[in-house]
């Protein structure tokens, strides 16, 4: 297949793929810009805007799952190159630098996503309706594990959960969850 057959051009607001659709392709932005967005009816929340040299769609090409967001051209004459699953596997297996670039980008994207989720989960204003109904705000806690935090390093670390306690968030007793 010639490389020209792998290149598509889109105008502003053209949908490249929709959230929930299936696909086994990764896309590289050659020219223009692409918005990765979550759609809710007519409302659009842009997660990130990508430019020349950046890629998207990597999760579907790696694990075959449905698209987690919608990709929309954000500039006139946006050109993207499609890399199908077979080409992706070939590139990863034959070009270690390509594989490292994908892993680096995935790691950075996961860290950014974790930061946003962590801040949102701890912000009571994000869940004002639930707070008004009696749900307590989530609080960040750290569980330290290591020989320096145990009185006896030979004893494996354990986490004790009071199974008779009702969890209002889950709506169940811990004993019900464990069974």
Foldseek 3Di string as FASTA:
>chain_A
DDQVVQKDWDAFFDWPDAFQAWFQKKKAWQAAKKFWWADDPPDTDTPDIDGHGDMDPVVCNVPRGTHHTIIGGHHGGTMMGIDGNVNVVVCVVPPVVVVVVVVVVVVVVVVVVVVVVVVLQQDCVNVVVVVVVPDDGDDDDDDDDDPVVDPDSVDHDDDDDDQQDQDPVVRGGNVVVVD
